[in-house]
Each structure stands twice: as structure tokens, then as C-alpha cells.
Protein backbone atom coordinates (compact mmCIF):
# COMPACT_ATOMS: atom_id res chain seq x y z
CA MET A 1 -9.19 -26.94 -10.73
CA ARG A 2 -12.14 -25.75 -12.84
CA GLN A 3 -13.70 -24.16 -9.76
CA TYR A 4 -10.37 -22.53 -8.84
CA ILE A 5 -10.03 -21.08 -12.37
CA ALA A 6 -13.65 -19.90 -12.37
CA LEU A 7 -13.26 -18.21 -8.99
CA THR A 8 -9.98 -16.60 -10.07
CA SER A 9 -11.68 -15.25 -13.18
CA GLU A 10 -14.61 -13.95 -11.12
CA LYS A 11 -12.20 -12.33 -8.64
CA ARG A 12 -10.39 -10.52 -11.45
CA GLU A 13 -13.67 -9.23 -12.87
CA ILE A 14 -14.76 -7.97 -9.45
CA GLU A 15 -11.37 -6.32 -8.84
CA SER A 16 -11.54 -4.67 -12.26
CA ARG A 17 -15.00 -3.31 -11.51
CA LEU A 18 -13.84 -2.17 -8.07
CA ARG A 19 -10.93 -0.25 -9.64
CA ALA A 20 -13.35 1.41 -12.07
CA VAL A 21 -15.71 2.38 -9.24
CA GLN A 22 -12.78 3.74 -7.19
CA ASP A 23 -11.62 5.80 -10.18
CA GLU A 24 -15.10 7.34 -10.45
CA LEU A 25 -15.15 8.08 -6.71
CA ASN A 26 -11.72 9.72 -6.97
CA ILE A 27 -13.07 12.00 -9.72
CA LEU A 28 -16.19 12.97 -7.73
CA GLU A 29 -14.58 13.49 -4.32
CA PRO A 30 -12.84 16.86 -4.90
CA ALA A 31 -16.04 18.46 -6.20
CA ILE A 32 -17.99 17.12 -3.25
CA THR A 33 -15.47 18.34 -0.66
CA ASP A 34 -15.48 21.77 -2.35
CA ALA A 35 -19.29 21.86 -2.29
CA TYR A 36 -19.38 20.96 1.40
CA ALA A 37 -16.95 23.81 2.15
CA GLU A 38 -18.87 26.33 0.01
CA GLU A 39 -22.22 25.38 1.57
CA GLY A 40 -20.85 25.02 5.10
CA LEU A 41 -22.20 21.49 5.35
CA GLN A 42 -21.23 19.09 8.10
CA SER A 43 -23.23 16.18 6.73
CA LEU A 44 -25.91 15.34 4.20
CA HIS A 45 -28.65 12.73 4.52
CA LEU A 46 -29.66 11.21 1.20
CA ASP A 47 -31.31 7.95 0.15
CA GLY A 48 -30.90 6.39 3.58
CA TYR A 49 -27.21 7.33 3.87
CA THR A 50 -25.35 10.04 5.72
CA ALA A 51 -22.43 11.54 3.82
CA TYR A 52 -19.92 13.57 5.80
CA LEU A 53 -16.34 14.75 5.60
CA GLN A 54 -13.82 13.15 7.89
CA GLN A 55 -10.62 15.04 8.50
CA GLU A 56 -7.46 12.96 8.29
CA LEU A 57 -4.05 14.27 9.19
CA TRP A 58 -0.97 12.62 7.72
CA ALA A 59 2.63 13.55 8.41
CA SER A 60 5.65 12.69 6.29
CA PRO A 61 9.26 13.82 6.02
CA LEU A 62 9.73 17.20 4.31
CA ASP A 63 11.22 16.66 0.85
CA GLY A 64 11.55 12.94 1.66
CA ASP A 65 14.34 13.66 4.16
CA TYR A 66 13.61 10.75 6.50
CA ASP A 67 17.01 10.91 8.22
CA ARG A 68 16.57 14.57 9.21
CA LEU A 69 13.09 13.92 10.58
CA CYS A 70 14.35 10.89 12.56
CA ASP A 71 17.22 12.94 14.00
CA GLU A 72 14.78 15.64 15.10
CA LEU A 73 12.38 13.13 16.64
CA ILE A 74 15.23 11.50 18.58
CA GLY A 75 16.57 14.90 19.62
CA ASN A 76 13.15 15.82 21.00
CA GLY A 77 12.78 12.69 23.12
CA LEU A 78 10.70 10.74 20.61
CA ALA A 79 13.17 7.95 19.83
CA ASP A 80 10.39 5.41 20.38
CA MET A 81 8.79 6.67 17.13
CA VAL A 82 11.93 5.89 15.11
CA GLN A 83 12.54 2.38 13.81
CA ARG A 84 15.33 1.00 11.70
CA ARG A 85 13.64 -1.10 9.06
CA THR A 86 14.42 -2.97 5.91
CA ASN A 87 11.98 -2.96 3.03
CA THR A 88 11.02 -6.62 2.60
CA ASN A 89 10.22 -6.25 -1.10
CA THR A 90 13.58 -4.62 -1.81
CA LEU A 91 15.46 -7.20 0.25
CA SER A 92 13.64 -10.08 -1.47
CA ALA A 93 14.37 -8.63 -4.91
CA TRP A 94 18.05 -8.31 -3.96
CA VAL A 95 18.16 -11.97 -2.85
CA ARG A 96 16.38 -13.11 -6.05
CA GLU A 97 18.85 -11.13 -8.17
CA HIS A 98 21.84 -12.65 -6.36
CA ARG A 99 20.46 -16.18 -6.79
CA ARG A 100 19.60 -15.61 -10.46
CA GLU A 101 23.10 -14.29 -11.19
CA GLY A 102 24.87 -16.87 -9.02
CA ILE A 103 26.30 -14.23 -6.70
CA PRO A 104 26.78 -15.56 -3.16
CA ILE A 105 25.09 -13.68 -0.35
CA PRO A 106 27.63 -12.72 2.33
CA GLU A 107 27.41 -15.12 5.28
CA GLY A 108 26.97 -12.28 7.75
CA ILE A 109 23.87 -11.10 5.93
CA LEU A 110 22.64 -14.62 5.26
CA SER A 111 22.82 -15.44 8.97
CA THR A 112 20.50 -12.55 9.81
CA MET A 113 17.55 -13.38 7.57
CA THR A 114 15.18 -16.12 6.59
CA ILE A 115 14.69 -17.04 2.96
CA THR A 116 11.57 -18.99 2.14
CA GLU A 117 10.23 -20.28 -1.14
CA ARG A 118 6.51 -20.37 -1.70
CA TYR A 119 4.54 -21.88 -4.52
CA ARG A 120 1.12 -20.53 -5.43
CA VAL A 121 -1.40 -21.56 -8.01
CA ARG A 122 -1.78 -18.88 -10.66
CA VAL A 123 -4.25 -18.67 -13.51
CA ARG A 124 -3.94 -16.80 -16.78
CA ARG A 125 -6.19 -16.58 -19.74
CA ALA A 126 -5.22 -19.04 -22.46
CA SER A 127 -3.99 -17.60 -25.77
């Protein structure tokens, strides 16, 4: 257990440092992308590394209107891109709330899902 606690503590320290490093990178990135554009750079070789910009395209529903986008995709022969899904976190929270408040889950819904309980070792700093 001592080793588990020590490793958990080390993991938290590493994750904290990683978040701090990512925050710094997030601050630097816009200035760097602007500089690349202003200088017309494709890439830069420095200290044994090559730094370059990679274009990423992301699409999402306009104004969060998922239903409208899905209707348009289906209407344009792209039904295979549309999936009916349930958010697992939301569903699990709903089940936990019903159990906590003693509200029965309707049998029809209950028969369509799996409910599992999992136990995990957690560590917190002592007071």
C-alpha cells in the first residue's frame, strides 16, 4: 500500500507539472502561429527539432444545432455519419440519482442497459 500511495502521489505531481507546462504552451502558441504567418515560414529547425504548423480542420453543428445538421446529412445521403447515442456519463449520473433517491428505474429502460459497480483504490492527502 505504501508503494501504491507513493506512486499515486508521484503521478499527481507529474500531472500537475504537465498541466502547468500545457498552460505555458497554450500561451505561447498563438504568438508562434502569428509569427509563422508573418514570416511566411513553413518550418523552423532549432536545437535538433523541427517546428512546423499542422493544419487541422474540425466541423461542428452551427449554434449547437445537432438535430438540424443530422437532418441535412441524412437528406444528402450521409446517414452513415449520423448515430443515435446516449452520453454514458449523463446516463450513469441519472442511474446514481435514481438509486440514491430510491426512485425505481422503469423496467423498459432497465432491460436495455447494463449497470456495473466498480471499486477502485483512491488516495488522498491526510489532514
